[in-house]
């Protein structure tokens, strides 16, 4: 069996982050992450038994979904498109 076969499969796997890592990235407590999971409001996560992991790309997607445009900017952009 080729020794590199298993390694290449592993290298294709997404980078998974722990609750601690995500809490540091978002600057929120682990309890906040748990609350978000309970409410269904946080980033998508992976559950493996009792372990919770977050896919790096899901964090980016979550931030995009949560990004808001100021009302003044939105109105200005609407006016620009309308004229």
PDB file of N, CA and C in Angstrom:
ATOM      1  N   UNK A   1       0.851  -1.186   0.000  1.00  0.00           N
ATOM      2  CA  UNK A   1       0.000   0.000   0.000  1.00  0.00           C
ATOM      3  C   UNK A   1       0.890   1.239   0.000  1.00  0.00           C
ATOM      4  N   UNK A   2       0.523   2.210  -0.766  1.00  0.00           N
ATOM      5  CA  UNK A   2       1.272   3.445  -0.875  1.00  0.00           C
ATOM      6  C   UNK A   2       1.133   4.260   0.413  1.00  0.00           C
ATOM      7  N   UNK A   3       2.247   4.639   1.010  1.00  0.00           N
ATOM      8  CA  UNK A   3       2.225   5.395   2.262  1.00  0.00           C
ATOM      9  C   UNK A   3       1.595   6.773   2.089  1.00  0.00           C
ATOM     10  N   UNK A   4       1.747   7.377   0.929  1.00  0.00           N
ATOM     11  CA  UNK A   4       1.231   8.716   0.703  1.00  0.00           C
ATOM     12  C   UNK A   4      -0.269   8.749   0.454  1.00  0.00           C
ATOM     13  N   UNK A   5      -0.863   7.588   0.181  1.00  0.00           N
ATOM     14  CA  UNK A   5      -2.292   7.545  -0.125  1.00  0.00           C
ATOM     15  C   UNK A   5      -3.114   8.128   1.027  1.00  0.00           C
ATOM     16  N   UNK A   6      -2.881   7.685   2.242  1.00  0.00           N
ATOM     17  CA  UNK A   6      -3.629   8.173   3.396  1.00  0.00           C
ATOM     18  C   UNK A   6      -3.365   9.639   3.659  1.00  0.00           C
ATOM     19  N   UNK A   7      -2.138  10.080   3.474  1.00  0.00           N
ATOM     20  CA  UNK A   7      -1.780  11.472   3.741  1.00  0.00           C
ATOM     21  C   UNK A   7      -2.496  12.418   2.784  1.00  0.00           C
ATOM     22  N   UNK A   8      -2.591  12.058   1.517  1.00  0.00           N
ATOM     23  CA  UNK A   8      -3.248  12.950   0.560  1.00  0.00           C
ATOM     24  C   UNK A   8      -4.735  13.073   0.868  1.00  0.00           C
ATOM     25  N   UNK A   9      -5.350  12.002   1.335  1.00  0.00           N
ATOM     26  CA  UNK A   9      -6.767  12.068   1.710  1.00  0.00           C
ATOM     27  C   UNK A   9      -6.939  13.001   2.904  1.00  0.00           C
ATOM     28  N   UNK A  10      -6.035  12.928   3.859  1.00  0.00           N
ATOM     29  CA  UNK A  10      -6.116  13.784   5.041  1.00  0.00           C
ATOM     30  C   UNK A  10      -5.895  15.245   4.652  1.00  0.00           C
ATOM     31  N   UNK A  11      -4.990  15.498   3.741  1.00  0.00           N
ATOM     32  CA  UNK A  11      -4.701  16.873   3.358  1.00  0.00           C
ATOM     33  C   UNK A  11      -5.892  17.529   2.654  1.00  0.00           C
ATOM     34  N   UNK A  12      -6.813  16.738   2.117  1.00  0.00           N
ATOM     35  CA  UNK A  12      -8.006  17.292   1.450  1.00  0.00           C
ATOM     36  C   UNK A  12      -9.126  17.611   2.441  1.00  0.00           C
ATOM     37  N   UNK A  13      -9.003  17.117   3.671  1.00  0.00           N
ATOM     38  CA  UNK A  13     -10.041  17.379   4.663  1.00  0.00           C
ATOM     39  C   UNK A  13     -10.032  18.855   5.053  1.00  0.00           C
ATOM     40  N   UNK A  14     -11.215  19.403   5.382  1.00  0.00           N
ATOM     41  CA  UNK A  14     -11.258  20.807   5.806  1.00  0.00           C
ATOM     42  C   UNK A  14     -10.609  20.975   7.175  1.00  0.00           C
ATOM     43  N   UNK A  15     -10.127  22.172   7.438  1.00  0.00           N
ATOM     44  CA  UNK A  15      -9.559  22.465   8.742  1.00  0.00           C
ATOM     45  C   UNK A  15     -10.706  22.658   9.718  1.00  0.00           C
ATOM     46  N   UNK A  16     -10.705  21.882  10.778  1.00  0.00           N
ATOM     47  CA  UNK A  16     -11.754  21.975  11.788  1.00  0.00           C
ATOM     48  C   UNK A  16     -11.216  22.694  13.013  1.00  0.00           C
ATOM     49  N   UNK A  17     -12.014  23.615  13.542  1.00  0.00           N
ATOM     50  CA  UNK A  17     -11.613  24.407  14.693  1.00  0.00           C
ATOM     51  C   UNK A  17     -12.417  24.012  15.919  1.00  0.00           C
ATOM     52  N   UNK A  18     -11.781  24.113  17.080  1.00  0.00           N
ATOM     53  CA  UNK A  18     -12.447  23.788  18.346  1.00  0.00           C
ATOM     54  C   UNK A  18     -13.281  24.973  18.821  1.00  0.00           C
ATOM     55  N   UNK A  19     -14.108  24.720  19.831  1.00  0.00           N
ATOM     56  CA  UNK A  19     -14.889  25.797  20.452  1.00  0.00           C
ATOM     57  C   UNK A  19     -13.962  26.900  20.974  1.00  0.00           C
ATOM     58  N   UNK A  20     -12.878  26.492  21.586  1.00  0.00           N
ATOM     59  CA  UNK A  20     -11.936  27.463  22.149  1.00  0.00           C
ATOM     60  C   UNK A  20     -11.359  28.351  21.053  1.00  0.00           C
ATOM     61  N   UNK A  21     -10.965  27.740  19.946  1.00  0.00           N
ATOM     62  CA  UNK A  21     -10.409  28.523  18.837  1.00  0.00           C
ATOM     63  C   UNK A  21     -11.439  29.498  18.281  1.00  0.00           C
ATOM     64  N   UNK A  22     -12.673  29.033  18.092  1.00  0.00           N
ATOM     65  CA  UNK A  22     -13.721  29.892  17.538  1.00  0.00           C
ATOM     66  C   UNK A  22     -14.083  31.000  18.519  1.00  0.00           C
ATOM     67  N   UNK A  23     -14.113  30.692  19.802  1.00  0.00           N
ATOM     68  CA  UNK A  23     -14.427  31.733  20.785  1.00  0.00           C
ATOM     69  C   UNK A  23     -13.365  32.825  20.766  1.00  0.00           C
ATOM     70  N   UNK A  24     -12.115  32.453  20.538  1.00  0.00           N
ATOM     71  CA  UNK A  24     -11.042  33.440  20.448  1.00  0.00           C
ATOM     72  C   UNK A  24     -11.147  34.241  19.144  1.00  0.00           C
ATOM     73  N   UNK A  25     -11.471  33.572  18.038  1.00  0.00           N
ATOM     74  CA  UNK A  25     -11.606  34.255  16.747  1.00  0.00           C
ATOM     75  C   UNK A  25     -12.731  35.284  16.794  1.00  0.00           C
ATOM     76  N   UNK A  26     -13.885  34.892  17.369  1.00  0.00           N
ATOM     77  CA  UNK A  26     -15.052  35.782  17.425  1.00  0.00           C
ATOM     78  C   UNK A  26     -15.056  36.679  18.665  1.00  0.00           C
ATOM     79  N   UNK A  27     -14.111  36.439  19.575  1.00  0.00           N
ATOM     80  CA  UNK A  27     -14.025  37.196  20.818  1.00  0.00           C
ATOM     81  C   UNK A  27     -15.321  37.100  21.628  1.00  0.00           C
ATOM     82  N   UNK A  28     -15.831  35.875  21.739  1.00  0.00           N
ATOM     83  CA  UNK A  28     -17.010  35.583  22.557  1.00  0.00           C
ATOM     84  C   UNK A  28     -16.673  34.400  23.452  1.00  0.00           C
ATOM     85  N   UNK A  29     -17.458  34.204  24.488  1.00  0.00           N
ATOM     86  CA  UNK A  29     -17.209  33.087  25.391  1.00  0.00           C
ATOM     87  C   UNK A  29     -17.669  31.768  24.769  1.00  0.00           C
ATOM     88  N   UNK A  30     -17.152  30.679  25.308  1.00  0.00           N
ATOM     89  CA  UNK A  30     -17.595  29.351  24.867  1.00  0.00           C
ATOM     90  C   UNK A  30     -19.083  29.189  25.172  1.00  0.00           C
ATOM     91  N   UNK A  31     -19.529  29.753  26.301  1.00  0.00           N
ATOM     92  CA  UNK A  31     -20.961  29.676  26.629  1.00  0.00           C
ATOM     93  C   UNK A  31     -21.812  30.391  25.591  1.00  0.00           C
ATOM     94  N   UNK A  32     -21.302  31.472  25.020  1.00  0.00           N
ATOM     95  CA  UNK A  32     -22.043  32.168  23.954  1.00  0.00           C
ATOM     96  C   UNK A  32     -22.165  31.269  22.736  1.00  0.00           C
ATOM     97  N   UNK A  33     -21.074  30.599  22.360  1.00  0.00           N
ATOM     98  CA  UNK A  33     -21.141  29.652  21.236  1.00  0.00           C
ATOM     99  C   UNK A  33     -22.160  28.562  21.510  1.00  0.00           C
ATOM    100  N   UNK A  34     -22.188  28.057  22.722  1.00  0.00           N
ATOM    101  CA  UNK A  34     -23.144  26.997  23.088  1.00  0.00           C
ATOM    102  C   UNK A  34     -24.576  27.513  23.021  1.00  0.00           C
ATOM    103  N   UNK A  35     -24.775  28.750  23.472  1.00  0.00           N
ATOM    104  CA  UNK A  35     -26.100  29.358  23.401  1.00  0.00           C
ATOM    105  C   UNK A  35     -26.537  29.521  21.948  1.00  0.00           C
ATOM    106  N   UNK A  36     -25.612  29.989  21.109  1.00  0.00           N
ATOM    107  CA  UNK A  36     -25.930  30.134  19.688  1.00  0.00           C
ATOM    108  C   UNK A  36     -26.328  28.796  19.081  1.00  0.00           C
ATOM    109  N   UNK A  37     -25.616  27.720  19.433  1.00  0.00           N
ATOM    110  CA  UNK A  37     -25.966  26.393  18.894  1.00  0.00           C
ATOM    111  C   UNK A  37     -27.352  25.989  19.373  1.00  0.00           C
ATOM    112  N   UNK A  38     -27.627  26.243  20.643  1.00  0.00           N
ATOM    113  CA  UNK A  38     -28.925  25.887  21.226  1.00  0.00           C
ATOM    114  C   UNK A  38     -30.062  26.621  20.512  1.00  0.00           C
ATOM    115  N   UNK A  39     -29.841  27.902  20.197  1.00  0.00           N
ATOM    116  CA  UNK A  39     -30.867  28.723  19.543  1.00  0.00           C
ATOM    117  C   UNK A  39     -30.877  28.554  18.026  1.00  0.00           C
ATOM    118  N   UNK A  40     -29.860  27.919  17.483  1.00  0.00           N
ATOM    119  CA  UNK A  40     -29.754  27.776  16.033  1.00  0.00           C
ATOM    120  C   UNK A  40     -29.297  29.057  15.361  1.00  0.00           C
ATOM    121  N   UNK A  41     -28.626  29.935  16.084  1.00  0.00           N
ATOM    122  CA  UNK A  41     -28.258  31.236  15.552  1.00  0.00           C
ATOM    123  C   UNK A  41     -26.777  31.360  15.190  1.00  0.00           C
ATOM    124  N   UNK A  42     -25.957  30.443  15.609  1.00  0.00           N
ATOM    125  CA  UNK A  42     -24.519  30.564  15.370  1.00  0.00           C
ATOM    126  C   UNK A  42     -24.091  29.949  14.056  1.00  0.00           C
ATOM    127  N   UNK A  43     -22.782  29.884  13.858  1.00  0.00           N
ATOM    128  CA  UNK A  43     -22.265  29.253  12.640  1.00  0.00           C
ATOM    129  C   UNK A  43     -22.577  27.761  12.638  1.00  0.00           C
ATOM    130  N   UNK A  44     -22.693  27.184  11.443  1.00  0.00           N
ATOM    131  CA  UNK A  44     -22.897  25.744  11.335  1.00  0.00           C
ATOM    132  C   UNK A  44     -21.718  25.032  11.977  1.00  0.00           C
ATOM    133  N   UNK A  45     -21.998  23.881  12.563  1.00  0.00           N
ATOM    134  CA  UNK A  45     -20.961  23.146  13.277  1.00  0.00           C
ATOM    135  C   UNK A  45     -21.069  21.665  12.979  1.00  0.00           C
ATOM    136  N   UNK A  46     -20.046  20.944  13.383  1.00  0.00           N
ATOM    137  CA  UNK A  46     -19.996  19.496  13.195  1.00  0.00           C
ATOM    138  C   UNK A  46     -19.990  18.858  14.574  1.00  0.00           C
ATOM    139  N   UNK A  47     -20.841  17.881  14.783  1.00  0.00           N
ATOM    140  CA  UNK A  47     -20.932  17.190  16.064  1.00  0.00           C
ATOM    141  C   UNK A  47     -20.404  15.780  15.880  1.00  0.00           C
ATOM    142  N   UNK A  48     -19.378  15.429  16.640  1.00  0.00           N
ATOM    143  CA  UNK A  48     -18.794  14.084  16.604  1.00  0.00           C
ATOM    144  C   UNK A  48     -18.823  13.546  18.030  1.00  0.00           C
ATOM    145  N   UNK A  49     -19.870  12.784  18.338  1.00  0.00           N
ATOM    146  CA  UNK A  49     -20.041  12.362  19.725  1.00  0.00           C
ATOM    147  C   UNK A  49     -20.287  13.594  20.572  1.00  0.00           C
ATOM    148  N   UNK A  50     -19.454  13.802  21.583  1.00  0.00           N
ATOM    149  CA  UNK A  50     -19.575  14.997  22.426  1.00  0.00           C
ATOM    150  C   UNK A  50     -18.735  16.156  21.907  1.00  0.00           C
ATOM    151  N   UNK A  51     -17.917  15.893  20.900  1.00  0.00           N
ATOM    152  CA  UNK A  51     -17.042  16.935  20.371  1.00  0.00           C
ATOM    153  C   UNK A  51     -17.782  17.830  19.387  1.00  0.00           C
ATOM    154  N   UNK A  52     -17.503  19.114  19.463  1.00  0.00           N
ATOM    155  CA  UNK A  52     -18.052  20.090  18.523  1.00  0.00           C
ATOM    156  C   UNK A  52     -16.883  20.713  17.780  1.00  0.00           C
ATOM    157  N   UNK A  53     -16.995  20.770  16.470  1.00  0.00           N
ATOM    158  CA  UNK A  53     -15.953  21.380  15.647  1.00  0.00           C
ATOM    159  C   UNK A  53     -16.618  22.301  14.634  1.00  0.00           C
ATOM    160  N   UNK A  54     -15.862  23.292  14.221  1.00  0.00           N
ATOM    161  CA  UNK A  54     -16.344  24.267  13.252  1.00  0.00           C
ATOM    162  C   UNK A  54     -15.439  24.247  12.032  1.00  0.00           C
ATOM    163  N   UNK A  55     -16.037  24.175  10.870  1.00  0.00           N
ATOM    164  CA  UNK A  55     -15.309  24.216   9.603  1.00  0.00           C
ATOM    165  C   UNK A  55     -14.957  25.681   9.334  1.00  0.00           C
ATOM    166  N   UNK A  56     -13.713  25.948   8.983  1.00  0.00           N
ATOM    167  CA  UNK A  56     -13.249  27.307   8.732  1.00  0.00           C
ATOM    168  C   UNK A  56     -14.145  28.070   7.751  1.00  0.00           C
ATOM    169  N   UNK A  57     -14.532  27.421   6.666  1.00  0.00           N
ATOM    170  CA  UNK A  57     -15.363  28.079   5.647  1.00  0.00           C
ATOM    171  C   UNK A  57     -16.740  28.450   6.200  1.00  0.00           C
ATOM    172  N   UNK A  58     -17.256  27.673   7.143  1.00  0.00           N
ATOM    173  CA  UNK A  58     -18.558  27.974   7.751  1.00  0.00           C
ATOM    174  C   UNK A  58     -18.500  29.261   8.559  1.00  0.00           C
ATOM    175  N   UNK A  59     -17.347  29.528   9.166  1.00  0.00           N
ATOM    176  CA  UNK A  59     -17.209  30.764   9.932  1.00  0.00           C
ATOM    177  C   UNK A  59     -17.277  31.965   9.001  1.00  0.00           C
ATOM    178  N   UNK A  60     -16.634  31.862   7.854  1.00  0.00           N
ATOM    179  CA  UNK A  60     -16.676  32.945   6.864  1.00  0.00           C
ATOM    180  C   UNK A  60     -18.104  33.147   6.356  1.00  0.00           C
ATOM    181  N   UNK A  61     -18.788  32.048   6.076  1.00  0.00           N
ATOM    182  CA  UNK A  61     -20.172  32.105   5.596  1.00  0.00           C
ATOM    183  C   UNK A  61     -21.076  32.743   6.655  1.00  0.00           C
ATOM    184  N   UNK A  62     -20.878  32.374   7.903  1.00  0.00           N
ATOM    185  CA  UNK A  62     -21.668  32.931   9.007  1.00  0.00           C
ATOM    186  C   UNK A  62     -21.467  34.440   9.102  1.00  0.00           C
ATOM    187  N   UNK A  63     -20.220  34.881   9.007  1.00  0.00           N
ATOM    188  CA  UNK A  63     -19.944  36.316   9.089  1.00  0.00           C
ATOM    189  C   UNK A  63     -20.596  37.068   7.933  1.00  0.00           C
ATOM    190  N   UNK A  64     -20.595  36.480   6.757  1.00  0.00           N
ATOM    191  CA  UNK A  64     -21.244  37.122   5.611  1.00  0.00           C
ATOM    192  C   UNK A  64     -22.747  37.246   5.835  1.00  0.00           C
ATOM    193  N   UNK A  65     -23.356  36.179   6.405  1.00  0.00           N
ATOM    194  CA  UNK A  65     -24.804  36.216   6.679  1.00  0.00           C
ATOM    195  C   UNK A  65     -25.138  37.271   7.730  1.00  0.00           C
ATOM    196  N   UNK A  66     -24.234  37.499   8.655  1.00  0.00           N
ATOM    197  CA  UNK A  66     -24.479  38.431   9.756  1.00  0.00           C
ATOM    198  C   UNK A  66     -24.046  39.856   9.450  1.00  0.00           C
ATOM    199  N   UNK A  67     -23.408  40.065   8.317  1.00  0.00           N
ATOM    200  CA  UNK A  67     -22.947  41.402   7.957  1.00  0.00           C
ATOM    201  C   UNK A  67     -24.139  42.257   7.559  1.00  0.00           C
ATOM    202  N   UNK A  68     -24.265  43.406   8.197  1.00  0.00           N
ATOM    203  CA  UNK A  68     -25.377  44.322   7.944  1.00  0.00           C
ATOM    204  C   UNK A  68     -24.856  45.581   7.274  1.00  0.00           C
ATOM    205  N   UNK A  69     -25.689  46.166   6.443  1.00  0.00           N
ATOM    206  CA  UNK A  69     -25.373  47.434   5.808  1.00  0.00           C
ATOM    207  C   UNK A  69     -26.146  48.510   6.564  1.00  0.00           C
ATOM    208  N   UNK A  70     -25.487  49.627   6.866  1.00  0.00           N
ATOM    209  CA  UNK A  70     -26.176  50.698   7.577  1.00  0.00           C
ATOM    210  C   UNK A  70     -27.364  51.183   6.753  1.00  0.00           C
ATOM    211  N   UNK A  71     -28.405  51.597   7.449  1.00  0.00           N
ATOM    212  CA  UNK A  71     -29.628  52.045   6.763  1.00  0.00           C
ATOM    213  C   UNK A  71     -29.333  53.230   5.838  1.00  0.00           C
ATOM    214  N   UNK A  72     -28.508  54.163   6.293  1.00  0.00           N
ATOM    215  CA  UNK A  72     -28.188  55.337   5.467  1.00  0.00           C
ATOM    216  C   UNK A  72     -27.480  54.913   4.184  1.00  0.00           C
ATOM    217  N   UNK A  73     -26.563  53.965   4.297  1.00  0.00           N
ATOM    218  CA  UNK A  73     -25.844  53.499   3.111  1.00  0.00           C
ATOM    219  C   UNK A  73     -26.793  52.778   2.161  1.00  0.00           C
ATOM    220  N   UNK A  74     -27.675  51.954   2.715  1.00  0.00           N
ATOM    221  CA  UNK A  74     -28.626  51.208   1.887  1.00  0.00           C
ATOM    222  C   UNK A  74     -29.531  52.165   1.113  1.00  0.00           C
ATOM    223  N   UNK A  75     -29.999  53.226   1.783  1.00  0.00           N
ATOM    224  CA  UNK A  75     -30.867  54.207   1.128  1.00  0.00           C
ATOM    225  C   UNK A  75     -30.099  54.935   0.031  1.00  0.00           C
ATOM    226  N   UNK A  76     -28.855  55.323   0.326  1.00  0.00           N
ATOM    227  CA  UNK A  76     -28.034  56.014  -0.659  1.00  0.00           C
ATOM    228  C   UNK A  76     -27.808  55.132  -1.884  1.00  0.00           C
ATOM    229  N   UNK A  77     -27.558  53.855  -1.669  1.00  0.00           N
ATOM    230  CA  UNK A  77     -27.353  52.937  -2.789  1.00  0.00           C
ATOM    231  C   UNK A  77     -28.623  52.737  -3.586  1.00  0.00           C
ATOM    232  N   UNK A  78     -29.774  52.675  -2.901  1.00  0.00           N
ATOM    233  CA  UNK A  78     -31.067  52.561  -3.604  1.00  0.00           C
ATOM    234  C   UNK A  78     -31.293  53.778  -4.477  1.00  0.00           C
ATOM    235  N   UNK A  79     -31.023  54.960  -3.940  1.00  0.00           N
ATOM    236  CA  UNK A  79     -31.217  56.197  -4.702  1.00  0.00           C
ATOM    237  C   UNK A  79     -30.288  56.257  -5.902  1.00  0.00           C
ATOM    238  N   UNK A  80     -29.062  55.785  -5.743  1.00  0.00           N
ATOM    239  CA  UNK A  80     -28.101  55.810  -6.829  1.00  0.00           C
ATOM    240  C   UNK A  80     -28.564  54.890  -7.960  1.00  0.00           C
ATOM    241  N   UNK A  81     -29.098  53.722  -7.611  1.00  0.00           N
ATOM    242  CA  UNK A  81     -29.568  52.769  -8.616  1.00  0.00           C
ATOM    243  C   UNK A  81     -30.837  53.299  -9.302  1.00  0.00           C
ATOM    244  N   UNK A  82     -31.700  53.962  -8.535  1.00  0.00           N
ATOM    245  CA  UNK A  82     -32.974  54.437  -9.082  1.00  0.00           C
ATOM    246  C   UNK A  82     -32.787  55.583 -10.058  1.00  0.00           C
ATOM    247  N   UNK A  83     -31.705  56.337  -9.929  1.00  0.00           N
ATOM    248  CA  UNK A  83     -31.496  57.508 -10.810  1.00  0.00           C
ATOM    249  C   UNK A  83     -30.576  57.213 -11.931  1.00  0.00           C
TER     250      UNK A  83
END
